[in-house]
Amino acid sequence: MPDKVLLILQVLYANAHPSMSHMSPDFASVFGDCICMTRQILYSEDAQPFLIAGSGTLGWDQVSANLVEPGENALVLHSGYFADSFVDCLQTYGANVDQVKAPIGDSVKESDVETALKSKKYKVVTVTHVDTSTGVLSNIKGVAEVARRVSPDTLVVVDGVCSVASEEIRMDDWGIDIVITASQKGLGTPPGLSILVASQRAMKVFQNRKTPITSYYASWKKWLPIMRAYEKNSAAYFATPPVNLIYAYHTSLRQIVQGPISLEDRFKAHKNASRRVKDAAAALGLRCVPLSEDVSANGMTAIYFPDGLAASDIIARLLKKDVVVAGGLHASIKEKYFRIGHMGATAVDIERGDIDRVITALNEALAEAKASKA
């Protein structure tokens, strides 16, 4: 089997690793490596990763349960569907939540963030780096700069489920306190691993909280000793980690952090892939959901259906060409658009030809759909 094929399949092979005890020394060292390499992806020297069995959604619970005490204020910057869900989670744990909403296809302006942060004391401000429902990219560096200047005690929380490893995030340099993500998108691993990285500033806030933590499974009081033990290559137990998934994540992290392509070049590759897909859509007369290039994500593209065509006309035809895309998710425009993912190996490994196949399939599917209506 060619070496390139082996590289593509390494993560899946690792996921099929013979089952190991989560207390074994061999697994402890793999888990410890994952903690260290997760920091490297975010350019952090000392932030604390939490790798826990669960979906990315578990990151919202961790923030809500460990950092925001009941009755405290949270500010959510809304650029799509996932801000609504974060609001729901924060309120479930007793937070008082305000939102600043951007128009569909746009991100919240930094001037609006400043106005909101000046209005009252907020424990956290949350921002979705890339909202998967709209393909909108928010300027998290700018949001963090505003927060540090206007409300320096407010923790900056980034939902990076759809951005980590496909968009640049310099956690320490930009003053970001929390990055929430998951294994299945830019990190190139099967789903099922909740990944959260907390700054030392956030950890101090957690350690100084006045009220009991409002979750059992998501409690950092339970998980912090576990993460610290594994990073020292010593197994510890609170709840069983997803052993095989950790092996798969370890393999993917090694490809990203220690592979022949630097992180900086990886981000450039995502920008190039994104530009090709968006240019192809424009050449077909299609309009993207993001209102401008500067708020357009590099790991995905959200595209409106042309007039007279719907999901059944386009998505089914793409599927027959072995191209899988997602339908709309944002409630206000759900039936009007579809979403293409182009992250990870699809963007970085040009020789795979994934972007070429997607563009060709999109051209053919659109032509066929229009012909069927003639």
Protein backbone atom coordinates (compact mmCIF):
# COMPACT_ATOMS: atom_id res chain seq x y z
CA MET A 1 0.00 0.00 0.00
CA PRO A 2 1.49 3.43 -0.95
CA ASP A 3 2.93 5.53 1.88
CA LYS A 4 0.46 8.36 1.20
CA VAL A 5 -2.50 6.02 1.63
CA LEU A 6 -0.97 4.77 4.87
CA LEU A 7 -0.70 8.36 6.10
CA ILE A 8 -4.35 9.02 5.30
CA LEU A 9 -5.44 5.92 7.17
CA GLN A 10 -3.13 6.22 10.17
CA VAL A 11 -5.73 7.97 12.33
CA LEU A 12 -8.33 5.31 11.57
CA TYR A 13 -5.82 2.55 12.24
CA ALA A 14 -4.99 4.15 15.58
CA ASN A 15 -8.68 4.23 16.41
CA ALA A 16 -8.68 0.46 15.82
CA HIS A 17 -5.82 0.00 18.32
CA PRO A 18 -6.27 -3.08 20.53
CA SER A 19 -8.12 -2.04 23.66
CA MET A 20 -5.81 -0.95 26.45
CA SER A 21 -6.42 -0.29 30.11
CA HIS A 22 -6.74 3.43 30.75
CA MET A 23 -4.48 2.84 33.74
CA SER A 24 -1.65 1.27 31.72
CA PRO A 25 1.70 3.09 31.49
CA ASP A 26 1.64 2.88 27.69
CA PHE A 27 -1.68 4.68 27.48
CA ALA A 28 -0.69 7.23 30.13
CA SER A 29 2.22 8.41 28.01
CA VAL A 30 0.02 8.72 24.91
CA PHE A 31 -2.58 10.73 26.86
CA GLY A 32 0.17 12.93 28.29
CA ASP A 33 1.53 13.63 24.81
CA CYS A 34 -1.97 14.63 23.67
CA ILE A 35 -2.23 17.20 26.44
CA CYS A 36 1.10 18.76 25.47
CA MET A 37 0.42 18.79 21.72
CA THR A 38 -3.04 20.30 22.25
CA ARG A 39 -1.31 23.32 23.79
CA GLN A 40 0.99 23.59 20.78
CA ILE A 41 -1.94 23.77 18.34
CA LEU A 42 -3.07 26.92 20.19
CA TYR A 43 0.43 28.43 20.63
CA SER A 44 0.17 28.26 24.41
CA GLU A 45 2.94 27.64 26.88
CA ASP A 46 1.01 27.00 30.08
CA ALA A 47 -2.74 26.72 29.44
CA GLN A 48 -4.53 23.72 30.94
CA PRO A 49 -6.15 21.28 28.49
CA PHE A 50 -9.10 19.09 29.47
CA LEU A 51 -9.62 16.06 27.21
CA ILE A 52 -12.90 14.40 28.21
CA ALA A 53 -15.21 11.88 26.59
CA GLY A 54 -18.10 13.85 25.12
CA SER A 55 -19.04 16.11 22.24
CA GLY A 56 -17.90 19.69 21.82
CA THR A 57 -21.11 20.68 23.60
CA LEU A 58 -19.56 19.49 26.85
CA GLY A 59 -17.24 22.50 26.61
CA TRP A 60 -20.20 24.81 27.13
CA ASP A 61 -21.11 22.87 30.27
CA GLN A 62 -17.55 23.13 31.57
CA VAL A 63 -17.52 26.91 31.14
CA SER A 64 -20.99 27.33 32.63
CA ALA A 65 -20.37 25.03 35.60
CA ASN A 66 -16.80 25.96 36.53
CA LEU A 67 -16.36 29.64 35.66
CA VAL A 68 -19.77 31.32 35.83
CA GLU A 69 -21.46 31.22 39.21
CA PRO A 70 -25.26 31.41 39.48
CA GLY A 71 -26.47 34.99 39.16
CA GLU A 72 -23.33 36.25 37.40
CA ASN A 73 -23.49 37.98 34.02
CA ALA A 74 -22.42 36.48 30.72
CA LEU A 75 -22.22 38.25 27.36
CA VAL A 76 -22.72 36.12 24.24
CA LEU A 77 -21.71 37.46 20.83
CA HIS A 78 -24.19 36.00 18.35
CA SER A 79 -23.20 35.12 14.78
CA GLY A 80 -25.39 32.08 14.27
CA TYR A 81 -27.10 28.98 15.64
CA PHE A 82 -24.42 27.97 18.13
CA ALA A 83 -24.60 31.21 20.10
CA ASP A 84 -28.24 30.38 20.84
CA SER A 85 -27.18 27.02 22.23
CA PHE A 86 -24.43 28.53 24.38
CA VAL A 87 -26.99 30.97 25.78
CA ASP A 88 -29.28 28.07 26.66
CA CYS A 89 -26.46 26.24 28.41
CA LEU A 90 -25.34 29.27 30.43
CA GLN A 91 -28.91 29.97 31.53
CA THR A 92 -29.36 26.34 32.53
CA TYR A 93 -26.56 26.82 35.06
CA GLY A 94 -28.06 30.05 36.41
CA ALA A 95 -26.18 32.77 34.54
CA ASN A 96 -27.77 36.06 33.55
CA VAL A 97 -27.14 36.23 29.81
CA ASP A 98 -27.14 39.19 27.43
CA GLN A 99 -26.55 38.89 23.69
CA VAL A 100 -25.17 41.15 21.01
CA LYS A 101 -26.56 39.86 17.73
CA ALA A 102 -25.02 40.37 14.31
CA PRO A 103 -27.13 40.32 11.13
CA ILE A 104 -27.21 36.92 9.42
CA GLY A 105 -23.91 36.48 7.60
CA ASP A 106 -21.96 38.95 9.70
CA SER A 107 -19.97 38.98 12.93
CA VAL A 108 -20.47 41.30 15.89
CA LYS A 109 -18.63 44.58 15.47
CA GLU A 110 -15.91 45.36 17.99
CA SER A 111 -17.50 48.74 18.71
CA ASP A 112 -20.68 46.91 19.77
CA VAL A 113 -18.64 44.59 21.97
CA GLU A 114 -17.06 47.62 23.63
CA THR A 115 -20.43 49.27 24.24
CA ALA A 116 -21.82 46.09 25.82
CA LEU A 117 -18.80 45.49 28.03
CA LYS A 118 -18.98 49.07 29.31
CA SER A 119 -22.64 48.67 30.26
CA LYS A 120 -22.13 46.25 33.15
CA LYS A 121 -19.68 43.80 34.72
CA TYR A 122 -19.52 40.48 32.86
CA LYS A 123 -17.85 37.34 34.12
CA VAL A 124 -17.36 36.00 30.59
CA VAL A 125 -17.76 37.13 27.01
CA THR A 126 -18.23 34.29 24.54
CA VAL A 127 -17.60 34.34 20.81
CA THR A 128 -18.01 31.59 18.22
CA HIS A 129 -14.85 31.72 16.13
CA VAL A 130 -16.49 30.01 13.15
CA ASP A 131 -20.22 29.47 13.40
CA THR A 132 -20.86 26.24 11.53
CA SER A 133 -24.41 27.34 10.75
CA THR A 134 -23.37 30.39 8.73
CA GLY A 135 -19.69 29.99 7.85
CA VAL A 136 -19.05 33.33 9.57
CA LEU A 137 -15.56 33.94 10.97
CA SER A 138 -15.35 36.26 13.99
CA ASN A 139 -12.28 38.31 14.83
CA ILE A 140 -11.42 36.72 18.17
CA LYS A 141 -8.16 38.64 18.44
CA GLY A 142 -10.08 41.90 18.16
CA VAL A 143 -12.71 40.80 20.67
CA ALA A 144 -10.00 39.84 23.15
CA GLU A 145 -8.23 43.18 22.68
CA VAL A 146 -11.45 45.06 23.40
CA ALA A 147 -12.16 42.96 26.48
CA ARG A 148 -8.68 43.45 27.89
CA ARG A 149 -8.90 47.21 27.41
CA VAL A 150 -12.48 47.83 28.51
CA SER A 151 -13.22 45.02 30.98
CA PRO A 152 -9.95 43.35 31.97
CA ASP A 153 -11.54 41.01 34.51
CA THR A 154 -13.91 39.50 31.95
CA LEU A 155 -12.82 36.09 30.70
CA VAL A 156 -12.72 35.68 26.91
CA VAL A 157 -14.28 32.37 25.87
CA VAL A 158 -13.89 31.13 22.30
CA ASP A 159 -16.06 28.39 20.83
CA GLY A 160 -13.55 26.95 18.39
CA VAL A 161 -15.26 23.68 17.48
CA CYS A 162 -15.22 24.59 13.79
CA SER A 163 -11.96 26.55 13.78
CA VAL A 164 -9.19 24.86 15.77
CA ALA A 165 -6.44 23.59 13.42
CA SER A 166 -8.01 25.33 10.41
CA GLU A 167 -7.91 28.94 11.68
CA GLU A 168 -5.02 30.59 13.52
CA ILE A 169 -5.52 30.90 17.29
CA ARG A 170 -2.68 32.33 19.38
CA MET A 171 -4.14 31.82 22.81
CA ASP A 172 -1.39 33.38 24.93
CA ASP A 173 -0.47 36.28 22.64
CA TRP A 174 -4.09 37.29 22.04
CA GLY A 175 -5.20 37.03 25.67
CA ILE A 176 -7.81 34.31 25.17
CA ASP A 177 -8.89 32.50 28.34
CA ILE A 178 -10.86 29.53 27.05
CA VAL A 179 -10.87 27.64 23.76
CA ILE A 180 -13.57 25.00 23.35
CA THR A 181 -13.29 22.47 20.55
CA ALA A 182 -13.91 18.87 19.57
CA SER A 183 -12.06 16.10 17.82
CA GLN A 184 -14.01 15.70 14.59
CA LYS A 185 -13.41 18.81 12.49
CA GLY A 186 -10.04 20.49 11.88
CA LEU A 187 -8.34 18.14 14.32
CA GLY A 188 -9.11 15.23 12.00
CA THR A 189 -10.21 12.60 14.50
CA PRO A 190 -13.50 10.67 14.83
CA PRO A 191 -16.09 12.44 17.01
CA GLY A 192 -16.48 11.84 20.73
CA LEU A 193 -13.74 13.85 22.41
CA SER A 194 -14.49 17.16 24.11
CA ILE A 195 -11.40 19.37 24.14
CA LEU A 196 -11.17 22.51 26.25
CA VAL A 197 -8.08 24.59 26.98
CA ALA A 198 -8.10 27.08 29.86
CA SER A 199 -5.61 29.88 30.53
CA GLN A 200 -3.95 30.12 33.93
CA ARG A 201 -6.03 33.24 34.50
CA ALA A 202 -9.20 31.22 33.99
CA MET A 203 -7.90 28.51 36.29
CA LYS A 204 -7.38 31.09 39.05
CA VAL A 205 -10.95 32.29 38.59
CA PHE A 206 -12.11 28.68 38.91
CA GLN A 207 -10.03 28.10 42.03
CA ASN A 208 -11.36 31.27 43.68
CA ARG A 209 -15.07 30.66 43.02
CA LYS A 210 -17.31 31.19 46.04
CA THR A 211 -20.10 28.69 45.32
CA PRO A 212 -20.01 24.94 44.67
CA ILE A 213 -19.43 23.74 41.11
CA THR A 214 -22.81 23.08 39.53
CA SER A 215 -21.94 19.90 37.62
CA TYR A 216 -20.57 16.50 38.55
CA TYR A 217 -19.19 15.08 35.29
CA ALA A 218 -18.02 18.49 34.00
CA SER A 219 -16.36 19.54 37.27
CA TRP A 220 -12.75 20.62 36.94
CA LYS A 221 -12.31 19.72 40.59
CA LYS A 222 -12.69 16.14 39.39
CA TRP A 223 -10.81 16.44 36.12
CA LEU A 224 -7.86 18.70 36.92
CA PRO A 225 -5.99 16.07 39.00
CA ILE A 226 -6.57 13.56 36.20
CA MET A 227 -5.12 15.82 33.51
CA ARG A 228 -2.13 16.72 35.67
CA ALA A 229 -1.42 13.07 36.43
CA TYR A 230 -1.56 11.97 32.78
CA GLU A 231 0.67 14.83 31.71
CA LYS A 232 3.26 13.39 34.10
CA ASN A 233 2.73 9.99 32.41
CA SER A 234 0.97 8.68 35.49
CA ALA A 235 -2.53 7.23 35.14
CA ALA A 236 -5.36 8.44 37.34
CA TYR A 237 -9.10 7.81 37.46
CA PHE A 238 -12.30 9.76 37.72
CA ALA A 239 -14.22 8.48 34.68
CA THR A 240 -12.97 6.18 31.94
CA PRO A 241 -11.43 8.10 29.04
CA PRO A 242 -12.15 7.05 25.42
CA VAL A 243 -8.93 5.08 25.07
CA ASN A 244 -9.07 4.27 21.36
CA LEU A 245 -10.15 7.80 20.50
CA ILE A 246 -7.18 9.18 22.43
CA TYR A 247 -4.89 6.96 20.33
CA ALA A 248 -6.51 8.32 17.17
CA TYR A 249 -6.23 11.91 18.44
CA HIS A 250 -2.58 11.33 19.29
CA THR A 251 -1.87 10.20 15.73
CA SER A 252 -3.65 13.19 14.22
CA LEU A 253 -1.89 15.62 16.55
CA ARG A 254 1.49 14.19 15.57
CA GLN A 255 0.65 14.70 11.90
CA ILE A 256 -0.38 18.31 12.58
CA VAL A 257 2.29 19.35 15.08
CA GLN A 258 5.25 17.21 14.05
CA GLY A 259 4.50 16.63 10.36
CA PRO A 260 6.29 18.17 7.38
CA ILE A 261 3.82 21.08 7.14
CA SER A 262 4.09 23.83 9.75
CA LEU A 263 1.02 25.20 11.49
CA GLU A 264 1.47 28.48 9.62
CA ASP A 265 1.53 26.69 6.26
CA ARG A 266 -1.46 24.63 7.33
CA PHE A 267 -3.48 27.80 7.86
CA LYS A 268 -2.34 29.12 4.47
CA ALA A 269 -3.48 25.86 2.84
CA HIS A 270 -6.93 26.28 4.39
CA LYS A 271 -7.13 29.84 3.05
CA ASN A 272 -6.16 28.64 -0.42
CA ALA A 273 -8.72 25.84 -0.39
CA SER A 274 -11.38 28.23 0.84
CA ARG A 275 -10.60 30.76 -1.85
CA ARG A 276 -10.89 28.11 -4.57
CA VAL A 277 -14.29 26.90 -3.37
CA LYS A 278 -15.67 30.42 -2.94
CA ASP A 279 -14.32 31.55 -6.32
CA ALA A 280 -15.92 28.51 -7.95
CA ALA A 281 -19.24 29.33 -6.32
CA ALA A 282 -19.02 32.95 -7.48
CA ALA A 283 -18.23 31.81 -11.04
CA LEU A 284 -21.48 29.83 -10.97
CA GLY A 285 -23.39 32.91 -9.86
CA LEU A 286 -23.88 31.57 -6.34
CA ARG A 287 -23.89 33.81 -3.28
CA CYS A 288 -22.26 32.90 0.04
CA VAL A 289 -23.96 33.44 3.39
CA PRO A 290 -21.12 35.52 4.91
CA LEU A 291 -21.56 39.13 3.83
CA SER A 292 -17.89 39.78 3.08
CA GLU A 293 -14.58 38.00 2.67
CA ASP A 294 -13.21 39.24 5.99
CA VAL A 295 -15.95 37.38 7.90
CA SER A 296 -15.72 34.20 5.80
CA ALA A 297 -14.37 31.02 7.39
CA ASN A 298 -11.49 29.17 5.77
CA GLY A 299 -12.53 25.65 6.77
CA MET A 300 -16.04 25.73 5.32
CA THR A 301 -18.27 27.58 2.88
CA ALA A 302 -21.99 28.30 3.26
CA ILE A 303 -23.73 28.92 -0.08
CA TYR A 304 -27.28 30.01 -0.92
CA PHE A 305 -29.17 27.87 -3.42
CA PRO A 306 -29.84 29.70 -6.69
CA ASP A 307 -33.38 30.91 -7.30
CA GLY A 308 -35.72 28.08 -8.20
CA LEU A 309 -33.54 25.33 -6.72
CA ALA A 310 -33.62 23.68 -3.31
CA ALA A 311 -31.73 21.15 -1.21
CA SER A 312 -33.35 18.22 -3.01
CA ASP A 313 -32.04 19.55 -6.33
CA ILE A 314 -28.42 20.02 -5.27
CA ILE A 315 -27.51 17.96 -2.22
CA ALA A 316 -28.86 14.67 -3.56
CA ARG A 317 -27.02 15.12 -6.86
CA LEU A 318 -23.77 15.89 -5.05
CA LEU A 319 -24.21 12.76 -2.95
CA LYS A 320 -24.51 10.65 -6.09
CA LYS A 321 -21.13 12.05 -7.09
CA ASP A 322 -19.67 10.98 -3.71
CA VAL A 323 -19.56 14.53 -2.39
CA VAL A 324 -21.27 14.88 0.98
CA VAL A 325 -22.41 18.36 2.01
CA ALA A 326 -24.70 19.57 4.79
CA GLY A 327 -28.00 21.38 4.52
CA GLY A 328 -28.84 24.62 6.26
CA LEU A 329 -28.89 24.92 10.05
CA HIS A 330 -29.69 28.55 10.88
CA ALA A 331 -33.43 28.64 11.59
CA SER A 332 -34.09 31.87 9.68
CA ILE A 333 -32.60 30.60 6.40
CA LYS A 334 -32.51 26.84 6.95
CA GLU A 335 -34.06 25.84 3.61
CA LYS A 336 -32.16 28.41 1.57
CA TYR A 337 -28.54 27.26 1.70
CA PHE A 338 -26.06 24.41 2.08
CA ARG A 339 -22.62 24.00 3.59
CA ILE A 340 -19.35 22.55 2.28
CA GLY A 341 -16.55 21.54 4.62
CA HIS A 342 -12.94 21.83 3.40
CA MET A 343 -10.68 21.37 6.38
CA GLY A 344 -7.96 19.02 7.52
CA ALA A 345 -6.52 16.66 4.92
CA THR A 346 -8.93 17.97 2.28
CA ALA A 347 -7.28 21.40 2.47
CA VAL A 348 -3.72 20.45 3.36
CA ASP A 349 -3.06 17.44 1.11
CA ILE A 350 -3.50 18.95 -2.35
CA GLU A 351 -2.57 15.69 -4.10
CA ARG A 352 -5.76 14.09 -2.78
CA GLY A 353 -7.65 16.28 -5.22
CA ASP A 354 -10.62 16.75 -2.89
CA ILE A 355 -11.17 20.41 -3.75
CA ASP A 356 -11.06 19.65 -7.48
CA ARG A 357 -13.67 16.92 -7.03
CA VAL A 358 -15.94 19.17 -4.99
CA ILE A 359 -15.78 21.97 -7.55
CA THR A 360 -16.36 19.61 -10.46
CA ALA A 361 -19.29 17.95 -8.70
CA LEU A 362 -20.82 21.33 -7.83
CA ASN A 363 -20.62 22.48 -11.44
CA GLU A 364 -22.18 19.26 -12.71
CA ALA A 365 -24.90 19.12 -10.04
CA LEU A 366 -25.94 22.71 -10.70
CA ALA A 367 -26.07 22.17 -14.46
CA GLU A 368 -28.11 18.98 -14.04
CA ALA A 369 -30.51 20.64 -11.61
CA LYS A 370 -31.10 23.59 -13.96
CA ALA A 371 -31.62 21.25 -16.90
CA SER A 372 -34.21 19.28 -14.97
CA LYS A 373 -36.25 22.45 -14.48
CA ALA A 374 -36.13 23.51 -18.12
